[in-house]
């Protein structure tokens, strides 16, 4: 919901969450072995409601890695 010339719109973000199963996140700073996680939409909604994501539903890499690390193993999967 963000990008060049666009502003964050919460309604659009929440609507988008209702139409997806989750996000696939990869940490490209670990290249050439890039860890990849599937984070469910329920988890993203929880993070957003608890204000763990930024005001525009974005966060820095370090913060996202901490959030992922805090998840129980059964809520995320890792492929390296």
PDB file of N, CA and C in Angstrom:
ATOM      1  N   UNK A   1       0.817  -1.200   0.000  1.00  0.00           N
ATOM      2  CA  UNK A   1       0.000   0.000   0.000  1.00  0.00           C
ATOM      3  C   UNK A   1       0.856   1.258   0.000  1.00  0.00           C
ATOM      4  N   UNK A   2       2.143   1.102  -0.109  1.00  0.00           N
ATOM      5  CA  UNK A   2       3.014   2.268  -0.164  1.00  0.00           C
ATOM      6  C   UNK A   2       3.896   2.172  -1.386  1.00  0.00           C
ATOM      7  N   UNK A   3       4.472   3.272  -1.741  1.00  0.00           N
ATOM      8  CA  UNK A   3       5.371   3.300  -2.885  1.00  0.00           C
ATOM      9  C   UNK A   3       5.575   4.720  -3.335  1.00  0.00           C
ATOM     10  N   UNK A   4       6.294   4.868  -4.395  1.00  0.00           N
ATOM     11  CA  UNK A   4       6.604   6.186  -4.913  1.00  0.00           C
ATOM     12  C   UNK A   4       5.331   6.958  -5.261  1.00  0.00           C
ATOM     13  N   UNK A   5       5.165   8.096  -4.619  1.00  0.00           N
ATOM     14  CA  UNK A   5       4.015   8.947  -4.912  1.00  0.00           C
ATOM     15  C   UNK A   5       2.709   8.503  -4.273  1.00  0.00           C
ATOM     16  N   UNK A   6       2.754   7.459  -3.467  1.00  0.00           N
ATOM     17  CA  UNK A   6       1.528   6.974  -2.822  1.00  0.00           C
ATOM     18  C   UNK A   6       1.660   7.101  -1.315  1.00  0.00           C
ATOM     19  N   UNK A   7       0.540   7.289  -0.664  1.00  0.00           N
ATOM     20  CA  UNK A   7       0.505   7.351   0.783  1.00  0.00           C
ATOM     21  C   UNK A   7      -0.197   6.107   1.313  1.00  0.00           C
ATOM     22  N   UNK A   8       0.145   5.731   2.518  1.00  0.00           N
ATOM     23  CA  UNK A   8      -0.466   4.570   3.155  1.00  0.00           C
ATOM     24  C   UNK A   8      -1.942   4.842   3.417  1.00  0.00           C
ATOM     25  N   UNK A   9      -2.779   3.876   3.075  1.00  0.00           N
ATOM     26  CA  UNK A   9      -4.211   3.962   3.346  1.00  0.00           C
ATOM     27  C   UNK A   9      -4.600   2.725   4.134  1.00  0.00           C
ATOM     28  N   UNK A  10      -4.918   2.954   5.412  1.00  0.00           N
ATOM     29  CA  UNK A  10      -5.219   1.840   6.302  1.00  0.00           C
ATOM     30  C   UNK A  10      -6.361   0.971   5.782  1.00  0.00           C
ATOM     31  N   UNK A  11      -7.406   1.578   5.268  1.00  0.00           N
ATOM     32  CA  UNK A  11      -8.552   0.805   4.778  1.00  0.00           C
ATOM     33  C   UNK A  11      -8.123  -0.153   3.666  1.00  0.00           C
ATOM     34  N   UNK A  12      -7.296   0.314   2.768  1.00  0.00           N
ATOM     35  CA  UNK A  12      -6.797  -0.546   1.685  1.00  0.00           C
ATOM     36  C   UNK A  12      -5.920  -1.664   2.210  1.00  0.00           C
ATOM     37  N   UNK A  13      -5.087  -1.348   3.186  1.00  0.00           N
ATOM     38  CA  UNK A  13      -4.223  -2.358   3.799  1.00  0.00           C
ATOM     39  C   UNK A  13      -5.066  -3.444   4.471  1.00  0.00           C
ATOM     40  N   UNK A  14      -6.054  -3.050   5.250  1.00  0.00           N
ATOM     41  CA  UNK A  14      -6.909  -4.018   5.938  1.00  0.00           C
ATOM     42  C   UNK A  14      -7.716  -4.854   4.950  1.00  0.00           C
ATOM     43  N   UNK A  15      -8.172  -4.224   3.878  1.00  0.00           N
ATOM     44  CA  UNK A  15      -8.904  -4.956   2.843  1.00  0.00           C
ATOM     45  C   UNK A  15      -7.990  -5.985   2.181  1.00  0.00           C
ATOM     46  N   UNK A  16      -6.757  -5.587   1.923  1.00  0.00           N
ATOM     47  CA  UNK A  16      -5.791  -6.499   1.321  1.00  0.00           C
ATOM     48  C   UNK A  16      -5.573  -7.709   2.226  1.00  0.00           C
ATOM     49  N   UNK A  17      -5.484  -7.483   3.535  1.00  0.00           N
ATOM     50  CA  UNK A  17      -5.279  -8.588   4.466  1.00  0.00           C
ATOM     51  C   UNK A  17      -6.422  -9.593   4.414  1.00  0.00           C
ATOM     52  N   UNK A  18      -7.615  -9.131   4.083  1.00  0.00           N
ATOM     53  CA  UNK A  18      -8.765 -10.032   3.992  1.00  0.00           C
ATOM     54  C   UNK A  18      -8.741 -10.899   2.743  1.00  0.00           C
ATOM     55  N   UNK A  19      -7.840 -10.601   1.810  1.00  0.00           N
ATOM     56  CA  UNK A  19      -7.834 -11.347   0.558  1.00  0.00           C
ATOM     57  C   UNK A  19      -6.570 -12.194   0.356  1.00  0.00           C
ATOM     58  N   UNK A  20      -5.703 -12.261   1.369  1.00  0.00           N
ATOM     59  CA  UNK A  20      -4.470 -13.039   1.241  1.00  0.00           C
ATOM     60  C   UNK A  20      -4.356 -14.030   2.397  1.00  0.00           C
ATOM     61  N   UNK A  21      -3.430 -14.976   2.238  1.00  0.00           N
ATOM     62  CA  UNK A  21      -3.178 -15.948   3.300  1.00  0.00           C
ATOM     63  C   UNK A  21      -1.988 -15.543   4.157  1.00  0.00           C
ATOM     64  N   UNK A  22      -1.133 -14.700   3.625  1.00  0.00           N
ATOM     65  CA  UNK A  22       0.034 -14.267   4.376  1.00  0.00           C
ATOM     66  C   UNK A  22       1.070 -13.645   3.466  1.00  0.00           C
ATOM     67  N   UNK A  23       2.248 -13.479   4.013  1.00  0.00           N
ATOM     68  CA  UNK A  23       3.351 -12.872   3.272  1.00  0.00           C
ATOM     69  C   UNK A  23       4.535 -13.833   3.262  1.00  0.00           C
ATOM     70  N   UNK A  24       5.275 -13.810   2.177  1.00  0.00           N
ATOM     71  CA  UNK A  24       6.537 -14.526   2.091  1.00  0.00           C
ATOM     72  C   UNK A  24       7.622 -13.477   2.238  1.00  0.00           C
ATOM     73  N   UNK A  25       8.438 -13.638   3.268  1.00  0.00           N
ATOM     74  CA  UNK A  25       9.493 -12.677   3.554  1.00  0.00           C
ATOM     75  C   UNK A  25      10.842 -13.340   3.368  1.00  0.00           C
ATOM     76  N   UNK A  26      11.765 -12.643   2.750  1.00  0.00           N
ATOM     77  CA  UNK A  26      13.121 -13.148   2.575  1.00  0.00           C
ATOM     78  C   UNK A  26      14.110 -12.081   3.012  1.00  0.00           C
ATOM     79  N   UNK A  27      15.190 -12.514   3.634  1.00  0.00           N
ATOM     80  CA  UNK A  27      16.223 -11.587   4.097  1.00  0.00           C
ATOM     81  C   UNK A  27      17.383 -11.617   3.111  1.00  0.00           C
ATOM     82  N   UNK A  28      17.350 -10.731   2.132  1.00  0.00           N
ATOM     83  CA  UNK A  28      18.361 -10.737   1.078  1.00  0.00           C
ATOM     84  C   UNK A  28      19.736 -10.297   1.575  1.00  0.00           C
ATOM     85  N   UNK A  29      19.794  -9.740   2.760  1.00  0.00           N
ATOM     86  CA  UNK A  29      21.102  -9.357   3.304  1.00  0.00           C
ATOM     87  C   UNK A  29      21.918 -10.579   3.705  1.00  0.00           C
ATOM     88  N   UNK A  30      21.289 -11.744   3.715  1.00  0.00           N
ATOM     89  CA  UNK A  30      21.992 -12.985   4.033  1.00  0.00           C
ATOM     90  C   UNK A  30      22.503 -13.682   2.775  1.00  0.00           C
ATOM     91  N   UNK A  31      22.346 -13.050   1.623  1.00  0.00           N
ATOM     92  CA  UNK A  31      22.768 -13.634   0.348  1.00  0.00           C
ATOM     93  C   UNK A  31      24.189 -14.149   0.459  1.00  0.00           C
ATOM     94  N   UNK A  32      24.494 -15.308  -0.053  1.00  0.00           N
ATOM     95  CA  UNK A  32      23.788 -16.094  -1.064  1.00  0.00           C
ATOM     96  C   UNK A  32      22.790 -17.106  -0.497  1.00  0.00           C
ATOM     97  N   UNK A  33      22.791 -17.334   0.813  1.00  0.00           N
ATOM     98  CA  UNK A  33      21.787 -18.221   1.411  1.00  0.00           C
ATOM     99  C   UNK A  33      20.724 -17.318   2.015  1.00  0.00           C
ATOM    100  N   UNK A  34      19.589 -17.232   1.348  1.00  0.00           N
ATOM    101  CA  UNK A  34      18.539 -16.299   1.748  1.00  0.00           C
ATOM    102  C   UNK A  34      17.455 -17.051   2.531  1.00  0.00           C
ATOM    103  N   UNK A  35      17.352 -16.770   3.841  1.00  0.00           N
ATOM    104  CA  UNK A  35      16.265 -17.402   4.593  1.00  0.00           C
ATOM    105  C   UNK A  35      14.920 -16.814   4.180  1.00  0.00           C
ATOM    106  N   UNK A  36      13.934 -17.673   4.099  1.00  0.00           N
ATOM    107  CA  UNK A  36      12.599 -17.254   3.666  1.00  0.00           C
ATOM    108  C   UNK A  36      11.589 -17.757   4.696  1.00  0.00           C
ATOM    109  N   UNK A  37      10.643 -16.883   5.047  1.00  0.00           N
ATOM    110  CA  UNK A  37       9.604 -17.234   6.012  1.00  0.00           C
ATOM    111  C   UNK A  37       8.239 -16.980   5.403  1.00  0.00           C
ATOM    112  N   UNK A  38       7.291 -17.827   5.742  1.00  0.00           N
ATOM    113  CA  UNK A  38       5.885 -17.550   5.453  1.00  0.00           C
ATOM    114  C   UNK A  38       5.277 -17.050   6.750  1.00  0.00           C
ATOM    115  N   UNK A  39       4.734 -15.853   6.720  1.00  0.00           N
ATOM    116  CA  UNK A  39       4.090 -15.278   7.898  1.00  0.00           C
ATOM    117  C   UNK A  39       2.605 -15.156   7.578  1.00  0.00           C
ATOM    118  N   UNK A  40       1.795 -15.810   8.371  1.00  0.00           N
ATOM    119  CA  UNK A  40       0.354 -15.850   8.102  1.00  0.00           C
ATOM    120  C   UNK A  40      -0.284 -14.471   8.248  1.00  0.00           C
ATOM    121  N   UNK A  41      -1.407 -14.312   7.604  1.00  0.00           N
ATOM    122  CA  UNK A  41      -2.150 -13.058   7.692  1.00  0.00           C
ATOM    123  C   UNK A  41      -2.609 -12.816   9.127  1.00  0.00           C
ATOM    124  N   UNK A  42      -2.934 -13.876   9.851  1.00  0.00           N
ATOM    125  CA  UNK A  42      -3.339 -13.716  11.257  1.00  0.00           C
ATOM    126  C   UNK A  42      -2.214 -13.084  12.075  1.00  0.00           C
ATOM    127  N   UNK A  43      -0.993 -13.503  11.813  1.00  0.00           N
ATOM    128  CA  UNK A  43       0.161 -12.946  12.516  1.00  0.00           C
ATOM    129  C   UNK A  43       0.356 -11.479  12.157  1.00  0.00           C
ATOM    130  N   UNK A  44       0.248 -11.153  10.883  1.00  0.00           N
ATOM    131  CA  UNK A  44       0.412  -9.758  10.447  1.00  0.00           C
ATOM    132  C   UNK A  44      -0.685  -8.893  11.067  1.00  0.00           C
ATOM    133  N   UNK A  45      -1.917  -9.382  11.076  1.00  0.00           N
ATOM    134  CA  UNK A  45      -3.009  -8.628  11.698  1.00  0.00           C
ATOM    135  C   UNK A  45      -2.744  -8.404  13.178  1.00  0.00           C
ATOM    136  N   UNK A  46      -2.243  -9.411  13.875  1.00  0.00           N
ATOM    137  CA  UNK A  46      -1.923  -9.289  15.289  1.00  0.00           C
ATOM    138  C   UNK A  46      -0.825  -8.245  15.496  1.00  0.00           C
ATOM    139  N   UNK A  47       0.234  -8.318  14.706  1.00  0.00           N
ATOM    140  CA  UNK A  47       1.318  -7.338  14.809  1.00  0.00           C
ATOM    141  C   UNK A  47       0.792  -5.930  14.581  1.00  0.00           C
ATOM    142  N   UNK A  48      -0.083  -5.779  13.585  1.00  0.00           N
ATOM    143  CA  UNK A  48      -0.611  -4.456  13.264  1.00  0.00           C
ATOM    144  C   UNK A  48      -1.492  -3.928  14.406  1.00  0.00           C
ATOM    145  N   UNK A  49      -2.373  -4.769  14.914  1.00  0.00           N
ATOM    146  CA  UNK A  49      -3.268  -4.358  16.014  1.00  0.00           C
ATOM    147  C   UNK A  49      -2.487  -4.001  17.275  1.00  0.00           C
ATOM    148  N   UNK A  50      -1.389  -4.705  17.508  1.00  0.00           N
ATOM    149  CA  UNK A  50      -0.566  -4.452  18.689  1.00  0.00           C
ATOM    150  C   UNK A  50       0.456  -3.332  18.452  1.00  0.00           C
ATOM    151  N   UNK A  51       0.346  -2.693  17.284  1.00  0.00           N
ATOM    152  CA  UNK A  51       1.225  -1.581  16.912  1.00  0.00           C
ATOM    153  C   UNK A  51       2.699  -1.978  16.908  1.00  0.00           C
ATOM    154  N   UNK A  52       2.968  -3.220  16.510  1.00  0.00           N
ATOM    155  CA  UNK A  52       4.333  -3.699  16.386  1.00  0.00           C
ATOM    156  C   UNK A  52       4.926  -3.378  15.023  1.00  0.00           C
ATOM    157  N   UNK A  53       4.067  -3.021  14.083  1.00  0.00           N
ATOM    158  CA  UNK A  53       4.512  -2.551  12.775  1.00  0.00           C
ATOM    159  C   UNK A  53       4.459  -1.034  12.794  1.00  0.00           C
ATOM    160  N   UNK A  54       5.159  -0.399  11.896  1.00  0.00           N
ATOM    161  CA  UNK A  54       5.127   1.058  11.838  1.00  0.00           C
ATOM    162  C   UNK A  54       3.747   1.581  11.476  1.00  0.00           C
ATOM    163  N   UNK A  55       3.595   2.884  11.526  1.00  0.00           N
ATOM    164  CA  UNK A  55       2.299   3.517  11.234  1.00  0.00           C
ATOM    165  C   UNK A  55       1.805   3.206   9.829  1.00  0.00           C
ATOM    166  N   UNK A  56       2.734   2.909   8.926  1.00  0.00           N
ATOM    167  CA  UNK A  56       2.350   2.581   7.556  1.00  0.00           C
ATOM    168  C   UNK A  56       2.481   1.080   7.288  1.00  0.00           C
ATOM    169  N   UNK A  57       2.429   0.295   8.367  1.00  0.00           N
ATOM    170  CA  UNK A  57       2.511  -1.167   8.292  1.00  0.00           C
ATOM    171  C   UNK A  57       3.844  -1.632   7.722  1.00  0.00           C
ATOM    172  N   UNK A  58       4.884  -0.850   7.942  1.00  0.00           N
ATOM    173  CA  UNK A  58       6.228  -1.240   7.538  1.00  0.00           C
ATOM    174  C   UNK A  58       7.136  -1.200   8.753  1.00  0.00           C
ATOM    175  N   UNK A  59       8.191  -1.959   8.699  1.00  0.00           N
ATOM    176  CA  UNK A  59       9.167  -1.959   9.785  1.00  0.00           C
ATOM    177  C   UNK A  59      10.543  -2.249   9.224  1.00  0.00           C
ATOM    178  N   UNK A  60      11.532  -1.881   9.991  1.00  0.00           N
ATOM    179  CA  UNK A  60      12.908  -2.132   9.600  1.00  0.00           C
ATOM    180  C   UNK A  60      13.217  -3.627   9.663  1.00  0.00           C
ATOM    181  N   UNK A  61      14.196  -4.040   8.891  1.00  0.00           N
ATOM    182  CA  UNK A  61      14.616  -5.436   8.827  1.00  0.00           C
ATOM    183  C   UNK A  61      14.886  -6.004  10.217  1.00  0.00           C
ATOM    184  N   UNK A  62      15.615  -5.279  11.035  1.00  0.00           N
ATOM    185  CA  UNK A  62      15.985  -5.760  12.367  1.00  0.00           C
ATOM    186  C   UNK A  62      14.741  -6.047  13.225  1.00  0.00           C
ATOM    187  N   UNK A  63      13.762  -5.171  13.148  1.00  0.00           N
ATOM    188  CA  UNK A  63      12.540  -5.352  13.928  1.00  0.00           C
ATOM    189  C   UNK A  63      11.740  -6.556  13.420  1.00  0.00           C
ATOM    190  N   UNK A  64      11.623  -6.696  12.114  1.00  0.00           N
ATOM    191  CA  UNK A  64      10.895  -7.832  11.540  1.00  0.00           C
ATOM    192  C   UNK A  64      11.571  -9.136  11.935  1.00  0.00           C
ATOM    193  N   UNK A  65      12.909  -9.177  11.895  1.00  0.00           N
ATOM    194  CA  UNK A  65      13.625 -10.397  12.290  1.00  0.00           C
ATOM    195  C   UNK A  65      13.340 -10.748  13.751  1.00  0.00           C
ATOM    196  N   UNK A  66      13.236  -9.740  14.619  1.00  0.00           N
ATOM    197  CA  UNK A  66      12.910  -9.993  16.030  1.00  0.00           C
ATOM    198  C   UNK A  66      11.487 -10.533  16.168  1.00  0.00           C
ATOM    199  N   UNK A  67      10.563  -9.952  15.414  1.00  0.00           N
ATOM    200  CA  UNK A  67       9.177 -10.422  15.467  1.00  0.00           C
ATOM    201  C   UNK A  67       9.076 -11.874  14.994  1.00  0.00           C
ATOM    202  N   UNK A  68       9.774 -12.190  13.916  1.00  0.00           N
ATOM    203  CA  UNK A  68       9.759 -13.561  13.392  1.00  0.00           C
ATOM    204  C   UNK A  68      10.394 -14.514  14.397  1.00  0.00           C
ATOM    205  N   UNK A  69      11.513 -14.107  14.981  1.00  0.00           N
ATOM    206  CA  UNK A  69      12.209 -14.966  15.947  1.00  0.00           C
ATOM    207  C   UNK A  69      11.344 -15.263  17.170  1.00  0.00           C
ATOM    208  N   UNK A  70      10.448 -14.344  17.510  1.00  0.00           N
ATOM    209  CA  UNK A  70       9.592 -14.521  18.683  1.00  0.00           C
ATOM    210  C   UNK A  70       8.385 -15.418  18.411  1.00  0.00           C
ATOM    211  N   UNK A  71       8.131 -15.740  17.158  1.00  0.00           N
ATOM    212  CA  UNK A  71       6.984 -16.589  16.827  1.00  0.00           C
ATOM    213  C   UNK A  71       7.251 -18.038  17.195  1.00  0.00           C
ATOM    214  N   UNK A  72       6.232 -18.736  17.651  1.00  0.00           N
ATOM    215  CA  UNK A  72       6.389 -20.183  17.850  1.00  0.00           C
ATOM    216  C   UNK A  72       6.709 -20.835  16.504  1.00  0.00           C
ATOM    217  N   UNK A  73       7.498 -21.882  16.516  1.00  0.00           N
ATOM    218  CA  UNK A  73       7.922 -22.512  15.261  1.00  0.00           C
ATOM    219  C   UNK A  73       6.770 -22.971  14.388  1.00  0.00           C
ATOM    220  N   UNK A  74       5.656 -23.330  14.989  1.00  0.00           N
ATOM    221  CA  UNK A  74       4.539 -23.831  14.193  1.00  0.00           C
ATOM    222  C   UNK A  74       3.792 -22.699  13.468  1.00  0.00           C
ATOM    223  N   UNK A  75       4.134 -21.453  13.725  1.00  0.00           N
ATOM    224  CA  UNK A  75       3.458 -20.352  13.041  1.00  0.00           C
ATOM    225  C   UNK A  75       4.251 -19.785  11.876  1.00  0.00           C
ATOM    226  N   UNK A  76       5.442 -20.261  11.690  1.00  0.00           N
ATOM    227  CA  UNK A  76       6.249 -19.775  10.574  1.00  0.00           C
ATOM    228  C   UNK A  76       7.088 -20.921  10.047  1.00  0.00           C
ATOM    229  N   UNK A  77       7.434 -20.843   8.803  1.00  0.00           N
ATOM    230  CA  UNK A  77       8.314 -21.856   8.241  1.00  0.00           C
ATOM    231  C   UNK A  77       9.523 -21.167   7.630  1.00  0.00           C
ATOM    232  N   UNK A  78      10.644 -21.822   7.675  1.00  0.00           N
ATOM    233  CA  UNK A  78      11.886 -21.229   7.180  1.00  0.00           C
ATOM    234  C   UNK A  78      12.461 -22.137   6.108  1.00  0.00           C
ATOM    235  N   UNK A  79      12.867 -21.531   5.029  1.00  0.00           N
ATOM    236  CA  UNK A  79      13.576 -22.242   3.972  1.00  0.00           C
ATOM    237  C   UNK A  79      14.873 -21.483   3.753  1.00  0.00           C
ATOM    238  N   UNK A  80      15.976 -22.164   3.772  1.00  0.00           N
ATOM    239  CA  UNK A  80      17.254 -21.477   3.558  1.00  0.00           C
ATOM    240  C   UNK A  80      17.885 -21.943   2.279  1.00  0.00           C
TER     241      UNK A  80
END
